Amino acid sequence: MLPDVLQELREQCLRRGVSGIKGLGRTFRIMDDDGSRSLDFQEFVKGLENYGVSVEKDKAQQIFALMDRDGSGTINFNEFLEKLRPPMSNSRMQVICEAFKKFDQTGDGVVTVEDLQGVYNCKHHPKYKSGEWTEEQVTLEEFVNYYSGVSASVDSDEYFITVMKNSWKL
């Protein structure tokens, strides 16, 4: 279960509409003053304030600590957004896994260049362009995390599943 402080922040973001969490991510990229792709606590608080999300300082510290999994004193955008995204339904998760299995031709849990050759070119994918993904491999976790973000902007399970099935020819 999501801790109360995180749930409160999620609810404030979602009240801004389906793009609330995505908009918060964009704001945080802007607040990443040093371009490190991570936020220290000051950048985190500044980002929340600039986005208009009201969180008391002690709650902001609790949220930051929950997101800073490795105790480094910084959080990256993926950690932040993964914590805030609403959970996906089983049917959404199932269709994402079905798409992943289609491309994991070897069944080893990693989509490699060999699995995708002639089927998919990742060089245009935002995660590849940003350097988060390599051309050599994409794991199921990375695939699910990506589609979790997409899922957060789609209201209906039926529509999300239709989009996935049509996009991936499932």
N, C-alpha and C. Protein backbone atom coordinates (compact mmCIF):
# COMPACT_ATOMS: atom_id res chain seq x y z
N MET A 1 0.84 -1.19 0.00
CA MET A 1 0.00 0.00 0.00
C MET A 1 0.88 1.25 0.00
N LEU A 2 0.43 2.25 -0.71
CA LEU A 2 1.17 3.49 -0.83
C LEU A 2 1.10 4.28 0.47
N PRO A 3 2.25 4.74 1.00
CA PRO A 3 2.22 5.57 2.21
C PRO A 3 1.34 6.81 1.99
N ASP A 4 0.71 7.27 3.06
CA ASP A 4 -0.24 8.39 2.98
C ASP A 4 0.37 9.63 2.32
N VAL A 5 1.62 9.96 2.65
CA VAL A 5 2.23 11.17 2.09
C VAL A 5 2.36 11.07 0.57
N LEU A 6 2.68 9.90 0.07
CA LEU A 6 2.76 9.71 -1.38
C LEU A 6 1.38 9.74 -2.01
N GLN A 7 0.41 9.14 -1.34
CA GLN A 7 -0.96 9.13 -1.85
C GLN A 7 -1.50 10.55 -1.96
N GLU A 8 -1.22 11.39 -0.97
CA GLU A 8 -1.66 12.79 -1.01
C GLU A 8 -1.06 13.52 -2.21
N LEU A 9 0.24 13.32 -2.44
CA LEU A 9 0.90 13.96 -3.57
C LEU A 9 0.32 13.46 -4.88
N ARG A 10 0.10 12.15 -5.00
CA ARG A 10 -0.49 11.57 -6.21
C ARG A 10 -1.85 12.20 -6.48
N GLU A 11 -2.67 12.31 -5.44
CA GLU A 11 -4.01 12.86 -5.61
C GLU A 11 -3.96 14.32 -6.07
N GLN A 12 -3.02 15.10 -5.53
CA GLN A 12 -2.90 16.50 -5.97
C GLN A 12 -2.51 16.56 -7.45
N CYS A 13 -1.62 15.68 -7.85
CA CYS A 13 -1.20 15.67 -9.25
C CYS A 13 -2.34 15.23 -10.16
N LEU A 14 -3.07 14.21 -9.76
CA LEU A 14 -4.15 13.69 -10.60
C LEU A 14 -5.32 14.67 -10.70
N ARG A 15 -5.51 15.50 -9.69
CA ARG A 15 -6.57 16.52 -9.74
C ARG A 15 -6.30 17.51 -10.88
N ARG A 16 -5.09 17.58 -11.31
CA ARG A 16 -4.73 18.48 -12.42
C ARG A 16 -5.06 17.86 -13.76
N GLY A 17 -5.66 16.69 -13.76
CA GLY A 17 -6.04 16.00 -15.00
C GLY A 17 -5.06 14.89 -15.30
N VAL A 18 -5.35 14.16 -16.38
CA VAL A 18 -4.52 12.99 -16.71
C VAL A 18 -3.09 13.37 -17.01
N SER A 19 -2.86 14.61 -17.37
CA SER A 19 -1.48 15.01 -17.65
C SER A 19 -0.78 15.54 -16.40
N GLY A 20 -1.44 15.49 -15.25
CA GLY A 20 -0.86 16.04 -14.02
C GLY A 20 0.48 15.45 -13.67
N ILE A 21 0.59 14.14 -13.66
CA ILE A 21 1.85 13.50 -13.31
C ILE A 21 2.89 13.73 -14.40
N LYS A 22 2.47 13.65 -15.67
CA LYS A 22 3.41 13.92 -16.77
C LYS A 22 3.88 15.37 -16.71
N GLY A 23 2.96 16.28 -16.42
CA GLY A 23 3.31 17.69 -16.31
C GLY A 23 4.29 17.93 -15.18
N LEU A 24 4.10 17.21 -14.09
CA LEU A 24 5.02 17.31 -12.97
C LEU A 24 6.40 16.83 -13.39
N GLY A 25 6.46 15.76 -14.16
CA GLY A 25 7.75 15.27 -14.67
C GLY A 25 8.45 16.30 -15.54
N ARG A 26 7.68 16.97 -16.41
CA ARG A 26 8.27 18.02 -17.25
C ARG A 26 8.80 19.16 -16.39
N THR A 27 8.02 19.54 -15.38
CA THR A 27 8.44 20.62 -14.48
C THR A 27 9.74 20.23 -13.77
N PHE A 28 9.82 18.98 -13.34
CA PHE A 28 11.03 18.55 -12.63
C PHE A 28 12.24 18.54 -13.55
N ARG A 29 12.05 18.22 -14.81
CA ARG A 29 13.18 18.29 -15.75
C ARG A 29 13.69 19.73 -15.84
N ILE A 30 12.76 20.66 -15.83
CA ILE A 30 13.15 22.07 -15.86
C ILE A 30 13.86 22.44 -14.55
N MET A 31 13.43 21.87 -13.43
CA MET A 31 14.00 22.20 -12.13
C MET A 31 15.35 21.53 -11.89
N ASP A 32 15.73 20.63 -12.76
CA ASP A 32 17.02 19.95 -12.64
C ASP A 32 18.11 20.94 -13.04
N ASP A 33 18.41 21.85 -12.13
CA ASP A 33 19.30 22.97 -12.41
C ASP A 33 20.67 22.56 -12.93
N ASP A 34 21.20 21.48 -12.40
CA ASP A 34 22.56 21.09 -12.79
C ASP A 34 22.59 20.09 -13.95
N GLY A 35 21.42 19.72 -14.48
CA GLY A 35 21.36 18.81 -15.63
C GLY A 35 21.79 17.39 -15.31
N SER A 36 21.71 17.01 -14.04
CA SER A 36 22.19 15.69 -13.61
C SER A 36 21.18 14.57 -13.82
N ARG A 37 19.98 14.91 -14.27
CA ARG A 37 18.89 13.94 -14.42
C ARG A 37 18.45 13.39 -13.08
N SER A 38 18.75 14.10 -12.04
CA SER A 38 18.27 13.74 -10.71
C SER A 38 18.05 15.02 -9.93
N LEU A 39 17.29 14.91 -8.88
CA LEU A 39 16.97 16.07 -8.06
C LEU A 39 17.49 15.88 -6.65
N ASP A 40 18.14 16.91 -6.13
CA ASP A 40 18.43 16.89 -4.70
C ASP A 40 17.20 17.44 -4.00
N PHE A 41 17.21 17.48 -2.68
CA PHE A 41 16.02 17.86 -1.94
C PHE A 41 15.58 19.29 -2.28
N GLN A 42 16.54 20.21 -2.42
CA GLN A 42 16.18 21.60 -2.74
C GLN A 42 15.49 21.70 -4.10
N GLU A 43 16.03 21.01 -5.09
CA GLU A 43 15.41 21.02 -6.41
C GLU A 43 14.01 20.39 -6.35
N PHE A 44 13.88 19.33 -5.57
CA PHE A 44 12.60 18.63 -5.40
C PHE A 44 11.54 19.57 -4.84
N VAL A 45 11.86 20.27 -3.75
CA VAL A 45 10.91 21.19 -3.11
C VAL A 45 10.57 22.35 -4.05
N LYS A 46 11.59 22.87 -4.70
CA LYS A 46 11.39 23.97 -5.65
C LYS A 46 10.46 23.53 -6.79
N GLY A 47 10.65 22.33 -7.28
CA GLY A 47 9.81 21.80 -8.35
C GLY A 47 8.36 21.66 -7.92
N LEU A 48 8.14 21.15 -6.71
CA LEU A 48 6.78 21.04 -6.20
C LEU A 48 6.12 22.41 -6.09
N GLU A 49 6.84 23.36 -5.52
CA GLU A 49 6.29 24.71 -5.35
C GLU A 49 5.97 25.35 -6.70
N ASN A 50 6.88 25.26 -7.65
CA ASN A 50 6.66 25.86 -8.96
C ASN A 50 5.50 25.21 -9.71
N TYR A 51 5.26 23.95 -9.44
CA TYR A 51 4.16 23.23 -10.07
C TYR A 51 2.83 23.54 -9.38
N GLY A 52 2.92 24.15 -8.20
CA GLY A 52 1.70 24.50 -7.46
C GLY A 52 1.17 23.38 -6.60
N VAL A 53 2.04 22.43 -6.25
CA VAL A 53 1.64 21.33 -5.38
C VAL A 53 2.02 21.70 -3.96
N SER A 54 1.02 21.69 -3.10
CA SER A 54 1.22 22.09 -1.71
C SER A 54 1.57 20.89 -0.84
N VAL A 55 2.79 20.85 -0.37
CA VAL A 55 3.26 19.78 0.50
C VAL A 55 4.10 20.42 1.61
N GLU A 56 3.75 20.12 2.85
CA GLU A 56 4.52 20.65 3.98
C GLU A 56 5.94 20.09 3.92
N LYS A 57 6.90 20.86 4.46
CA LYS A 57 8.31 20.48 4.36
C LYS A 57 8.59 19.11 4.96
N ASP A 58 7.99 18.79 6.12
CA ASP A 58 8.25 17.48 6.72
C ASP A 58 7.69 16.35 5.85
N LYS A 59 6.55 16.59 5.20
CA LYS A 59 6.00 15.58 4.29
C LYS A 59 6.87 15.47 3.03
N ALA A 60 7.37 16.61 2.56
CA ALA A 60 8.26 16.58 1.39
C ALA A 60 9.50 15.75 1.71
N GLN A 61 10.01 15.88 2.93
CA GLN A 61 11.19 15.10 3.33
C GLN A 61 10.86 13.61 3.38
N GLN A 62 9.66 13.27 3.87
CA GLN A 62 9.24 11.86 3.91
C GLN A 62 9.13 11.29 2.49
N ILE A 63 8.50 12.06 1.60
CA ILE A 63 8.34 11.60 0.22
C ILE A 63 9.70 11.42 -0.43
N PHE A 64 10.56 12.40 -0.25
CA PHE A 64 11.89 12.35 -0.84
C PHE A 64 12.63 11.10 -0.35
N ALA A 65 12.55 10.83 0.94
CA ALA A 65 13.24 9.67 1.52
C ALA A 65 12.68 8.36 0.95
N LEU A 66 11.37 8.30 0.75
CA LEU A 66 10.76 7.10 0.17
C LEU A 66 11.22 6.86 -1.26
N MET A 67 11.45 7.94 -1.97
CA MET A 67 11.84 7.83 -3.37
C MET A 67 13.34 7.61 -3.55
N ASP A 68 14.13 8.05 -2.59
CA ASP A 68 15.59 7.91 -2.65
C ASP A 68 15.97 6.51 -2.19
N ARG A 69 15.74 5.54 -3.05
CA ARG A 69 15.92 4.14 -2.69
C ARG A 69 17.34 3.79 -2.27
N ASP A 70 18.32 4.39 -2.90
CA ASP A 70 19.70 4.02 -2.60
C ASP A 70 20.35 4.92 -1.54
N GLY A 71 19.59 5.89 -1.01
CA GLY A 71 20.12 6.76 0.04
C GLY A 71 21.19 7.71 -0.45
N SER A 72 21.20 8.01 -1.74
CA SER A 72 22.24 8.86 -2.32
C SER A 72 22.02 10.35 -2.07
N GLY A 73 20.83 10.71 -1.60
CA GLY A 73 20.51 12.13 -1.42
C GLY A 73 19.93 12.76 -2.67
N THR A 74 19.68 11.94 -3.69
CA THR A 74 19.04 12.42 -4.91
C THR A 74 18.02 11.39 -5.37
N ILE A 75 17.06 11.85 -6.16
CA ILE A 75 16.11 10.93 -6.81
C ILE A 75 16.13 11.22 -8.30
N ASN A 76 15.99 10.17 -9.08
CA ASN A 76 15.90 10.41 -10.52
C ASN A 76 14.43 10.49 -10.92
N PHE A 77 14.18 10.97 -12.10
CA PHE A 77 12.80 11.18 -12.55
C PHE A 77 12.02 9.88 -12.61
N ASN A 78 12.65 8.81 -13.03
CA ASN A 78 11.94 7.54 -13.11
C ASN A 78 11.49 7.07 -11.74
N GLU A 79 12.37 7.17 -10.74
CA GLU A 79 11.98 6.79 -9.39
C GLU A 79 10.77 7.61 -8.93
N PHE A 80 10.83 8.89 -9.20
CA PHE A 80 9.75 9.78 -8.79
C PHE A 80 8.43 9.41 -9.47
N LEU A 81 8.48 9.28 -10.79
CA LEU A 81 7.25 9.00 -11.53
C LEU A 81 6.72 7.60 -11.24
N GLU A 82 7.61 6.62 -11.03
CA GLU A 82 7.16 5.27 -10.70
C GLU A 82 6.37 5.25 -9.40
N LYS A 83 6.78 6.06 -8.45
CA LYS A 83 6.07 6.12 -7.17
C LYS A 83 4.72 6.81 -7.29
N LEU A 84 4.60 7.77 -8.20
CA LEU A 84 3.37 8.55 -8.31
C LEU A 84 2.34 7.97 -9.26
N ARG A 85 2.78 7.19 -10.22
CA ARG A 85 1.81 6.65 -11.18
C ARG A 85 0.80 5.77 -10.48
N PRO A 86 -0.46 5.88 -10.88
CA PRO A 86 -1.47 4.97 -10.32
C PRO A 86 -1.16 3.54 -10.76
N PRO A 87 -1.52 2.57 -9.93
CA PRO A 87 -1.27 1.18 -10.32
C PRO A 87 -2.10 0.81 -11.55
N MET A 88 -1.56 -0.08 -12.35
CA MET A 88 -2.28 -0.54 -13.54
C MET A 88 -3.16 -1.73 -13.19
N SER A 89 -4.24 -1.84 -13.92
CA SER A 89 -5.12 -3.00 -13.76
C SER A 89 -4.40 -4.25 -14.27
N ASN A 90 -4.89 -5.41 -13.86
CA ASN A 90 -4.31 -6.67 -14.34
C ASN A 90 -4.43 -6.81 -15.85
N SER A 91 -5.55 -6.32 -16.41
CA SER A 91 -5.73 -6.46 -17.86
C SER A 91 -4.71 -5.61 -18.62
N ARG A 92 -4.38 -4.42 -18.11
CA ARG A 92 -3.36 -3.59 -18.75
C ARG A 92 -1.99 -4.27 -18.65
N MET A 93 -1.69 -4.76 -17.47
CA MET A 93 -0.40 -5.42 -17.26
C MET A 93 -0.27 -6.65 -18.16
N GLN A 94 -1.37 -7.36 -18.32
CA GLN A 94 -1.36 -8.57 -19.15
C GLN A 94 -1.05 -8.24 -20.60
N VAL A 95 -1.66 -7.18 -21.14
CA VAL A 95 -1.43 -6.84 -22.55
C VAL A 95 -0.01 -6.30 -22.75
N ILE A 96 0.53 -5.62 -21.76
CA ILE A 96 1.92 -5.15 -21.85
C ILE A 96 2.87 -6.35 -21.88
N CYS A 97 2.63 -7.30 -21.00
CA CYS A 97 3.47 -8.50 -20.97
C CYS A 97 3.33 -9.31 -22.25
N GLU A 98 2.13 -9.33 -22.82
CA GLU A 98 1.90 -10.02 -24.08
C GLU A 98 2.72 -9.38 -25.21
N ALA A 99 2.75 -8.05 -25.23
CA ALA A 99 3.55 -7.34 -26.23
C ALA A 99 5.03 -7.64 -26.04
N PHE A 100 5.49 -7.64 -24.77
CA PHE A 100 6.89 -7.93 -24.50
C PHE A 100 7.25 -9.35 -24.96
N LYS A 101 6.39 -10.31 -24.64
CA LYS A 101 6.66 -11.71 -25.03
C LYS A 101 6.75 -11.87 -26.54
N LYS A 102 5.95 -11.08 -27.25
CA LYS A 102 5.98 -11.16 -28.71
C LYS A 102 7.37 -10.84 -29.24
N PHE A 103 8.03 -9.91 -28.61
CA PHE A 103 9.35 -9.50 -29.09
C PHE A 103 10.49 -10.24 -28.44
N ASP A 104 10.26 -10.85 -27.31
CA ASP A 104 11.30 -11.65 -26.65
C ASP A 104 11.30 -13.04 -27.28
N GLN A 105 11.80 -13.11 -28.50
CA GLN A 105 11.76 -14.34 -29.27
C GLN A 105 12.48 -15.50 -28.60
N THR A 106 13.53 -15.19 -27.85
CA THR A 106 14.30 -16.25 -27.20
C THR A 106 13.70 -16.66 -25.86
N GLY A 107 12.77 -15.87 -25.33
CA GLY A 107 12.12 -16.20 -24.06
C GLY A 107 13.01 -16.05 -22.85
N ASP A 108 14.09 -15.26 -22.97
CA ASP A 108 15.02 -15.13 -21.84
C ASP A 108 14.72 -13.94 -20.93
N GLY A 109 13.62 -13.22 -21.19
CA GLY A 109 13.25 -12.10 -20.33
C GLY A 109 13.92 -10.79 -20.69
N VAL A 110 14.68 -10.79 -21.78
CA VAL A 110 15.35 -9.59 -22.26
C VAL A 110 15.14 -9.50 -23.76
N VAL A 111 14.69 -8.36 -24.23
CA VAL A 111 14.54 -8.17 -25.67
C VAL A 111 15.88 -7.63 -26.17
N THR A 112 16.54 -8.42 -26.98
CA THR A 112 17.85 -8.06 -27.50
C THR A 112 17.73 -7.62 -28.95
N VAL A 113 18.83 -7.15 -29.48
CA VAL A 113 18.86 -6.74 -30.88
C VAL A 113 18.45 -7.92 -31.76
N GLU A 114 18.91 -9.11 -31.43
CA GLU A 114 18.58 -10.30 -32.22
C GLU A 114 17.08 -10.54 -32.23
N ASP A 115 16.41 -10.31 -31.08
CA ASP A 115 14.96 -10.49 -31.01
C ASP A 115 14.22 -9.50 -31.90
N LEU A 116 14.76 -8.31 -32.02
CA LEU A 116 14.04 -7.23 -32.68
C LEU A 116 14.46 -6.96 -34.12
N GLN A 117 15.54 -7.56 -34.55
CA GLN A 117 16.03 -7.26 -35.89
C GLN A 117 14.93 -7.46 -36.93
N GLY A 118 14.71 -6.44 -37.70
CA GLY A 118 13.71 -6.50 -38.75
C GLY A 118 12.29 -6.27 -38.26
N VAL A 119 12.11 -6.09 -36.94
CA VAL A 119 10.77 -5.93 -36.39
C VAL A 119 10.57 -4.55 -35.79
N TYR A 120 11.58 -4.03 -35.10
CA TYR A 120 11.42 -2.77 -34.38
C TYR A 120 12.73 -2.01 -34.35
N ASN A 121 12.67 -0.71 -34.60
CA ASN A 121 13.85 0.15 -34.54
C ASN A 121 13.68 1.08 -33.35
N CYS A 122 14.47 0.87 -32.30
CA CYS A 122 14.33 1.65 -31.07
C CYS A 122 15.01 3.01 -31.14
N LYS A 123 15.72 3.31 -32.21
CA LYS A 123 16.50 4.56 -32.27
C LYS A 123 15.63 5.81 -32.22
N HIS A 124 14.35 5.68 -32.47
CA HIS A 124 13.45 6.82 -32.42
C HIS A 124 12.70 6.90 -31.09
N HIS A 125 12.88 5.91 -30.24
CA HIS A 125 12.20 5.88 -28.94
C HIS A 125 12.81 6.92 -28.01
N PRO A 126 11.98 7.68 -27.27
CA PRO A 126 12.52 8.71 -26.36
C PRO A 126 13.51 8.15 -25.33
N LYS A 127 13.29 6.96 -24.85
CA LYS A 127 14.20 6.37 -23.86
C LYS A 127 15.56 6.07 -24.49
N TYR A 128 15.57 5.68 -25.75
CA TYR A 128 16.84 5.44 -26.44
C TYR A 128 17.55 6.77 -26.68
N LYS A 129 16.80 7.76 -27.15
CA LYS A 129 17.39 9.07 -27.43
C LYS A 129 17.97 9.72 -26.19
N SER A 130 17.34 9.48 -25.03
CA SER A 130 17.83 10.09 -23.79
C SER A 130 19.00 9.32 -23.18
N GLY A 131 19.29 8.13 -23.72
CA GLY A 131 20.39 7.33 -23.19
C GLY A 131 19.98 6.36 -22.10
N GLU A 132 18.68 6.33 -21.73
CA GLU A 132 18.22 5.43 -20.68
C GLU A 132 18.21 3.98 -21.16
N TRP A 133 17.87 3.77 -22.43
CA TRP A 133 17.86 2.44 -23.00
C TRP A 133 19.02 2.34 -23.99
N THR A 134 19.52 1.13 -24.14
CA THR A 134 20.53 0.90 -25.16
C THR A 134 19.88 0.16 -26.32
N GLU A 135 20.56 0.14 -27.43
CA GLU A 135 20.03 -0.60 -28.57
C GLU A 135 20.16 -2.11 -28.33
N GLU A 136 21.04 -2.48 -27.42
CA GLU A 136 21.32 -3.89 -27.22
C GLU A 136 20.23 -4.64 -26.46
N GLN A 137 19.60 -4.00 -25.48
CA GLN A 137 18.61 -4.75 -24.71
C GLN A 137 17.64 -3.84 -23.98
N VAL A 138 16.45 -4.37 -23.81
CA VAL A 138 15.40 -3.73 -23.01
C VAL A 138 14.80 -4.83 -22.15
N THR A 139 14.72 -4.61 -20.85
CA THR A 139 14.16 -5.63 -19.96
C THR A 139 12.66 -5.46 -19.84
N LEU A 140 12.00 -6.51 -19.34
CA LEU A 140 10.57 -6.45 -19.09
C LEU A 140 10.26 -5.31 -18.14
N GLU A 141 11.07 -5.11 -17.11
CA GLU A 141 10.83 -4.03 -16.14
C GLU A 141 10.85 -2.67 -16.84
N GLU A 142 11.81 -2.44 -17.71
CA GLU A 142 11.89 -1.17 -18.44
C GLU A 142 10.67 -1.00 -19.35
N PHE A 143 10.27 -2.08 -19.99
CA PHE A 143 9.12 -2.07 -20.89
C PHE A 143 7.85 -1.74 -20.11
N VAL A 144 7.68 -2.40 -18.97
CA VAL A 144 6.50 -2.15 -18.11
C VAL A 144 6.53 -0.73 -17.58
N ASN A 145 7.68 -0.26 -17.13
CA ASN A 145 7.77 1.11 -16.62
C ASN A 145 7.40 2.12 -17.68
N TYR A 146 7.86 1.91 -18.89
CA TYR A 146 7.51 2.82 -19.98
C TYR A 146 6.00 2.84 -20.18
N TYR A 147 5.40 1.66 -20.30
CA TYR A 147 3.96 1.60 -20.56
C TYR A 147 3.12 1.96 -19.34
N SER A 148 3.69 1.93 -18.16
CA SER A 148 2.99 2.44 -16.99
C SER A 148 2.76 3.93 -17.13
N GLY A 149 3.76 4.62 -17.64
CA GLY A 149 3.61 6.05 -17.89
C GLY A 149 2.57 6.34 -18.94
N VAL A 150 2.57 5.55 -20.01
CA VAL A 150 1.55 5.70 -21.05
C VAL A 150 0.18 5.41 -20.45
N SER A 151 0.10 4.36 -19.66
CA SER A 151 -1.17 3.94 -19.05
C SER A 151 -1.78 5.04 -18.18
N ALA A 152 -0.94 5.80 -17.50
CA ALA A 152 -1.43 6.85 -16.60
C ALA A 152 -2.20 7.93 -17.35
N SER A 153 -1.98 8.05 -18.65
CA SER A 153 -2.66 9.08 -19.42
C SER A 153 -3.87 8.56 -20.19
N VAL A 154 -4.22 7.28 -19.99
CA VAL A 154 -5.36 6.68 -20.68
C VAL A 154 -6.39 6.26 -19.63
N ASP A 155 -7.58 6.83 -19.72
CA ASP A 155 -8.60 6.59 -18.69
C ASP A 155 -9.17 5.18 -18.71
N SER A 156 -9.45 4.64 -19.86
CA SER A 156 -10.19 3.39 -19.97
C SER A 156 -9.28 2.20 -20.22
N ASP A 157 -9.50 1.11 -19.47
CA ASP A 157 -8.76 -0.13 -19.72
C ASP A 157 -8.99 -0.61 -21.15
N GLU A 158 -10.25 -0.56 -21.60
CA GLU A 158 -10.58 -1.07 -22.93
C GLU A 158 -9.81 -0.31 -24.02
N TYR A 159 -9.75 1.02 -23.88
CA TYR A 159 -9.05 1.82 -24.88
C TYR A 159 -7.55 1.53 -24.85
N PHE A 160 -6.97 1.44 -23.64
CA PHE A 160 -5.54 1.15 -23.52
C PHE A 160 -5.23 -0.20 -24.17
N ILE A 161 -6.04 -1.20 -23.89
CA ILE A 161 -5.80 -2.54 -24.44
C ILE A 161 -5.93 -2.52 -25.96
N THR A 162 -6.92 -1.80 -26.47
CA THR A 162 -7.09 -1.67 -27.93
C THR A 162 -5.88 -1.02 -28.56
N VAL A 163 -5.39 0.05 -27.95
CA VAL A 163 -4.21 0.74 -28.48
C VAL A 163 -3.01 -0.20 -28.48
N MET A 164 -2.80 -0.91 -27.38
CA MET A 164 -1.66 -1.84 -27.30
C MET A 164 -1.78 -2.94 -28.35
N LYS A 165 -2.96 -3.52 -28.44
CA LYS A 165 -3.13 -4.63 -29.40
C LYS A 165 -2.94 -4.15 -30.83
N ASN A 166 -3.43 -2.97 -31.15
CA ASN A 166 -3.26 -2.45 -32.50
C ASN A 166 -1.82 -2.04 -32.77
N SER A 167 -1.18 -1.42 -31.78
CA SER A 167 0.20 -0.97 -31.96
C SER A 167 1.17 -2.13 -32.12
N TRP A 168 0.95 -3.18 -31.35
CA TRP A 168 1.89 -4.29 -31.35
C TRP A 168 1.38 -5.49 -32.15
N LYS A 169 0.23 -5.31 -32.82
CA LYS A 169 -0.36 -6.38 -33.65
C LYS A 169 -0.49 -7.67 -32.86
N LEU A 170 -1.11 -7.55 -31.69
CA LEU A 170 -1.31 -8.72 -30.81
C LEU A 170 -2.59 -9.46 -31.16
